Protein backbone atom coordinates (compact mmCIF):
# COMPACT_ATOMS: atom_id res chain seq x y z
CA MET A 1 13.07 10.28 24.94
CA ARG A 2 10.96 12.56 22.81
CA ILE A 3 11.07 10.25 19.79
CA LYS A 4 10.17 7.29 22.03
CA ALA A 5 7.15 9.13 23.43
CA ALA A 6 6.12 10.36 19.98
CA PHE A 7 6.52 6.86 18.54
CA SER A 8 4.45 5.27 21.32
CA TYR A 9 1.71 7.86 20.92
CA GLN A 10 1.48 7.46 17.14
CA LEU A 11 1.72 3.67 17.25
CA LYS A 12 -1.12 3.47 19.75
CA ASN A 13 -3.33 5.73 17.62
CA TYR A 14 -2.44 3.89 14.42
CA PHE A 15 -3.26 0.48 15.90
CA LYS A 16 -6.59 1.81 17.16
CA SER A 17 -7.56 3.33 13.80
CA PHE A 18 -6.24 0.28 11.92
CA GLY A 19 -8.51 -1.95 13.99
CA TRP A 20 -11.53 0.23 13.22
CA VAL A 21 -10.74 0.23 9.49
CA TYR A 22 -10.52 -3.57 9.59
CA LEU A 23 -13.84 -3.90 11.42
CA TRP A 24 -15.69 -1.54 9.08
CA SER A 25 -14.22 -3.22 5.99
CA VAL A 26 -15.24 -6.70 7.15
CA ALA A 27 -18.68 -5.37 8.10
CA VAL A 28 -19.26 -3.81 4.67
CA VAL A 29 -17.70 -6.56 2.54
CA VAL A 30 -18.72 -9.70 4.47
CA ILE A 31 -21.37 -9.11 7.13
CA LEU A 32 -23.61 -6.70 5.19
CA PRO A 33 -24.06 -9.05 2.17
CA PHE A 34 -24.78 -11.90 4.61
CA LEU A 35 -27.51 -9.87 6.34
CA ILE A 36 -29.03 -8.84 3.01
CA SER A 37 -29.12 -12.49 1.89
CA LEU A 38 -30.70 -13.42 5.21
CA LEU A 39 -33.40 -10.74 4.93
CA LEU A 40 -34.20 -11.67 1.33
CA GLY A 41 -34.48 -15.34 2.21
CA ARG A 42 -31.58 -16.30 -0.05
CA ILE A 43 -29.31 -17.56 2.69
CA ASN A 44 -29.36 -21.03 1.16
CA ILE A 45 -27.33 -19.81 -1.82
CA TYR A 46 -24.98 -17.67 0.27
CA ASP A 47 -21.38 -18.74 -0.30
CA ILE A 48 -18.79 -17.09 1.94
CA SER A 49 -16.06 -17.51 -0.68
CA ASN A 50 -17.99 -15.14 -2.96
CA TYR A 51 -18.08 -12.41 -0.31
CA LEU A 52 -14.68 -12.94 1.30
CA PRO A 53 -11.98 -11.82 -1.17
CA GLN A 54 -8.58 -13.39 -0.70
CA LEU A 55 -6.95 -9.98 -1.17
CA LEU A 56 -9.19 -8.22 1.38
CA PRO A 57 -6.54 -7.85 4.14
CA ALA A 58 -3.93 -6.69 1.62
CA MET A 59 -6.31 -4.10 0.19
CA ILE A 60 -7.21 -2.87 3.68
CA LEU A 61 -3.54 -2.58 4.66
CA SER A 62 -2.55 -0.78 1.44
CA PHE A 63 -5.48 1.62 1.68
CA TYR A 64 -4.80 2.34 5.34
CA LEU A 65 -1.07 3.02 4.88
CA PHE A 66 -1.68 5.21 1.83
CA VAL A 67 -4.34 7.32 3.56
CA PHE A 68 -2.77 7.60 7.00
CA GLY A 69 0.66 8.02 5.50
CA GLY A 70 -0.79 10.96 3.61
CA ILE A 71 -2.28 12.59 6.72
CA SER A 72 0.76 14.70 7.55
CA TYR A 73 0.09 18.28 8.49
CA ASP A 74 -2.64 17.66 11.07
CA GLY A 75 -0.35 15.38 13.04
CA PHE A 76 2.50 17.84 12.64
CA LYS A 77 0.44 20.65 14.16
CA LEU A 78 -0.31 18.57 17.24
CA PHE A 79 3.33 17.62 17.73
CA ILE A 80 4.84 21.04 17.04
CA GLN A 81 2.44 22.62 19.54
CA ASN A 82 3.79 20.25 22.18
CA GLY A 83 7.41 21.08 21.52
CA ILE A 84 8.23 18.13 19.24
CA GLY A 85 10.21 19.03 16.12
CA ARG A 86 9.74 18.13 12.48
CA LYS A 87 12.44 15.42 12.40
CA THR A 88 11.09 13.70 15.50
CA TYR A 89 7.57 13.83 14.09
CA PHE A 90 8.63 12.40 10.73
CA PHE A 91 10.71 9.50 12.07
CA SER A 92 8.25 8.56 14.81
CA LYS A 93 5.50 8.45 12.18
CA LEU A 94 7.68 6.38 9.84
CA TYR A 95 8.58 3.87 12.56
CA ALA A 96 4.96 3.53 13.69
CA LEU A 97 3.66 3.00 10.14
CA THR A 98 6.43 0.47 9.51
CA ILE A 99 5.27 -1.56 12.53
CA ILE A 100 1.71 -1.43 11.17
CA LEU A 101 3.04 -2.58 7.78
CA VAL A 102 4.89 -5.60 9.20
CA VAL A 103 2.04 -6.63 11.52
CA GLY A 104 -0.49 -6.15 8.73
CA GLU A 105 1.52 -8.28 6.31
CA VAL A 106 1.85 -11.07 8.88
CA ILE A 107 -1.95 -10.96 9.19
CA ASN A 108 -2.18 -11.12 5.39
CA VAL A 109 0.00 -14.24 5.26
CA LEU A 110 -1.93 -15.99 8.06
CA TYR A 111 -5.22 -15.08 6.36
CA GLY A 112 -3.85 -16.38 3.04
CA ILE A 113 -2.95 -19.70 4.65
CA PHE A 114 -6.40 -19.97 6.23
CA TYR A 115 -8.15 -18.98 2.98
CA HIS A 116 -6.12 -21.37 0.84
CA ARG A 117 -6.67 -24.29 3.20
CA PHE A 118 -10.27 -23.88 4.33
CA ILE A 119 -12.14 -21.61 1.89
CA ASN A 120 -10.89 -21.93 -1.67
CA ALA A 121 -7.67 -23.76 -2.43
CA LYS A 122 -8.14 -23.37 -6.19
CA LYS A 123 -7.61 -19.61 -6.21
CA ASN A 124 -4.39 -17.66 -5.81
CA PRO A 125 -1.57 -19.01 -3.63
CA VAL A 126 -1.00 -17.80 -0.05
CA MET A 127 0.94 -14.75 -1.26
CA THR A 128 -0.29 -13.27 -4.55
CA PHE A 129 3.16 -12.37 -5.87
CA SER A 130 4.03 -16.09 -5.80
CA VAL A 131 2.26 -16.23 -9.15
CA LEU A 132 5.10 -14.17 -10.62
CA TYR A 133 8.12 -14.96 -8.44
CA GLY A 134 7.22 -18.15 -6.59
CA HIS A 135 9.51 -20.43 -8.60
CA TYR A 136 12.56 -18.27 -9.22
CA PHE A 137 14.77 -20.10 -6.71
CA ASN A 138 15.20 -23.82 -6.41
CA SER A 139 14.39 -23.63 -2.69
CA ALA A 140 10.77 -23.30 -1.55
CA ALA A 141 11.91 -21.45 1.57
CA ALA A 142 13.93 -18.95 -0.48
CA ASN A 143 10.94 -18.39 -2.77
CA ALA A 144 8.64 -17.77 0.21
CA VAL A 145 11.07 -15.29 1.80
CA SER A 146 11.66 -13.44 -1.48
CA VAL A 147 7.92 -13.13 -2.19
CA PHE A 148 7.35 -11.89 1.37
CA ILE A 149 10.05 -9.23 0.91
CA ILE A 150 8.63 -8.19 -2.47
CA THR A 151 5.15 -7.88 -0.95
CA ILE A 152 6.46 -5.79 1.95
CA LEU A 153 8.32 -3.50 -0.46
CA PHE A 154 5.27 -3.14 -2.71
CA ILE A 155 3.03 -2.03 0.15
CA ALA A 156 5.84 0.15 1.56
CA CYS A 157 6.02 1.93 -1.81
CA ILE A 158 2.28 2.60 -1.61
CA MET A 159 2.82 3.97 1.91
CA VAL A 160 5.63 6.38 0.97
CA THR A 161 3.64 7.53 -2.07
CA GLY A 162 0.88 8.58 0.31
CA MET A 163 3.47 10.25 2.55
CA VAL A 164 4.86 12.29 -0.35
CA ILE A 165 1.39 13.35 -1.47
CA GLY A 166 0.47 14.32 2.08
CA SER A 167 3.75 16.21 2.55
CA CYS A 168 3.17 18.12 -0.68
CA LEU A 169 -0.35 19.05 0.37
CA GLY A 170 0.91 20.11 3.78
CA LEU A 171 2.85 22.96 2.17
CA PHE A 172 -0.33 24.62 0.90
CA SER A 173 -3.35 26.28 2.44
CA ARG A 174 -6.62 24.40 2.93
CA ARG A 175 -8.16 26.08 -0.12
CA MET A 176 -5.20 25.16 -2.31
CA GLN A 177 -5.25 21.60 -0.97
CA ARG A 178 -8.86 21.21 -2.06
CA ALA A 179 -8.02 22.57 -5.51
CA ILE A 180 -5.12 20.12 -5.87
CA ILE A 181 -7.21 17.18 -4.66
CA VAL A 182 -9.88 18.00 -7.25
CA GLY A 183 -7.53 19.01 -10.08
CA ALA A 184 -4.82 16.36 -9.80
CA PRO A 185 -7.08 13.38 -10.70
CA ILE A 186 -8.34 15.32 -13.73
CA VAL A 187 -4.80 16.00 -14.92
CA LEU A 188 -3.83 12.35 -14.36
CA PHE A 189 -6.90 11.21 -16.28
CA VAL A 190 -5.95 13.44 -19.23
CA LEU A 191 -2.36 12.13 -19.17
CA LEU A 192 -3.65 8.56 -19.06
CA ALA A 193 -5.93 9.25 -22.03
CA VAL A 194 -2.97 10.68 -23.96
CA LEU A 195 -0.87 7.59 -23.16
CA VAL A 196 -3.70 5.32 -24.32
CA MET A 197 -3.94 7.26 -27.59
CA LEU A 198 -0.19 7.05 -28.10
CA ASN A 199 -0.27 3.35 -27.33
CA ASP A 200 -2.93 2.84 -30.01
CA GLN A 201 -0.71 4.56 -32.55
CA THR A 202 2.65 3.17 -31.43
CA SER A 203 2.63 0.29 -28.98
CA LEU A 204 4.49 1.10 -25.78
CA LYS A 205 5.74 -2.48 -25.80
CA MET A 206 8.05 -1.50 -28.63
CA THR A 207 9.56 1.51 -26.80
CA TRP A 208 12.06 1.98 -23.97
CA ILE A 209 9.12 2.60 -21.63
CA GLY A 210 7.87 -0.93 -22.09
CA ASP A 211 11.37 -2.36 -21.71
CA PHE A 212 11.91 -0.36 -18.55
CA LEU A 213 8.63 -1.53 -17.02
CA LEU A 214 9.47 -5.14 -17.86
CA PHE A 215 12.88 -4.69 -16.24
CA ILE A 216 11.31 -3.29 -13.05
CA VAL A 217 9.03 -6.29 -12.60
CA GLY A 218 11.82 -8.73 -13.53
CA MET A 219 10.23 -10.04 -16.69
CA GLY A 220 13.08 -10.97 -19.01
CA ASN A 221 12.76 -12.22 -22.55
CA GLN A 222 13.01 -15.81 -21.35
CA SER A 223 11.03 -15.44 -18.11
CA ASN A 224 7.91 -17.50 -17.65
CA THR A 225 5.15 -16.74 -15.16
CA GLY A 226 6.39 -17.77 -11.72
CA HIS A 227 10.01 -17.45 -12.79
CA PHE A 228 10.33 -13.67 -12.98
CA VAL A 229 13.61 -12.34 -11.61
CA ALA A 230 12.90 -11.78 -7.91
CA PHE A 231 15.82 -9.38 -7.40
CA ALA A 232 14.44 -6.87 -9.93
CA PRO A 233 11.38 -5.73 -7.92
CA MET A 234 13.47 -5.83 -4.73
CA LEU A 235 16.01 -3.43 -6.24
CA SER A 236 13.52 -1.14 -8.00
CA GLY A 237 11.19 -1.15 -4.99
CA ALA A 238 14.02 -0.29 -2.59
CA ILE A 239 15.20 2.57 -4.82
CA TYR A 240 11.66 3.95 -5.18
CA PHE A 241 11.08 3.67 -1.43
CA ILE A 242 14.30 5.49 -0.52
CA VAL A 243 13.82 8.27 -3.08
CA MET A 244 10.20 8.92 -2.10
CA LEU A 245 11.08 8.75 1.59
CA LEU A 246 13.79 11.39 1.12
CA ILE A 247 11.37 13.60 -0.78
CA SER A 248 8.76 13.28 1.97
CA TYR A 249 11.40 14.01 4.62
CA ARG A 250 12.63 17.15 2.88
CA LEU A 251 9.09 18.39 2.37
CA THR A 252 8.22 17.75 6.02
CA LEU A 253 11.15 19.93 7.09
CA HIS A 254 9.46 22.83 5.25
CA PHE A 255 6.15 22.55 7.09
CA ARG A 256 5.14 25.91 8.49
CA VAL A 257 4.50 26.34 12.19
CA PRO A 258 0.73 26.93 12.67
CA ARG A 259 -0.25 30.26 14.17
């Protein structure tokens, strides 16, 4: 009963915040440019396809799941103060975010169909990953299902990455959290710069790193765009999701009870 109540509570809050994020995103990306064009008297050259990105719903969903998946300790404090344990908190949060993920992806597909049919049919297909995996099977239905699964896994991996980051931060004090938030991007930037320098000297395409990355995305030596191996990202995505989920779970179990 406790996990049902915790799940219902989190799902309700997530849907509410998800709706607000959607509204603000549409307002900033679509409505605000329209109003500016109207005020400047340039409404005659306003083209909605230029201000309505096809990937807008996918970006909103990915951003939302990463951020709210990473908000861990604040929700834990509320639950633990009401007698709900760490495991119940973790799984109720996971189930609620998974519902948001599935509903959000259905919205993405419906939006993609609408965009492709009524706004700009010349751009990307309904699901973006169809560009890479949309012709792997001989059946159009199988291709659509496989691309849908790959997309779900991709966004789910973004979600659990946020959960792991949030769980890690939840183990530290507020001061240490701020230091990590500021310092981590700097360290990542330095590492990226080092990788770029190494790539200039010795191309990563010629190393095991490049081969491994090509294997993950299903790009074989004979694969053409649209015919990438669909099972490769399914397998690698599932493994990444499970590993990161276990890490987040173990870290959540070490959250300290607030005093």
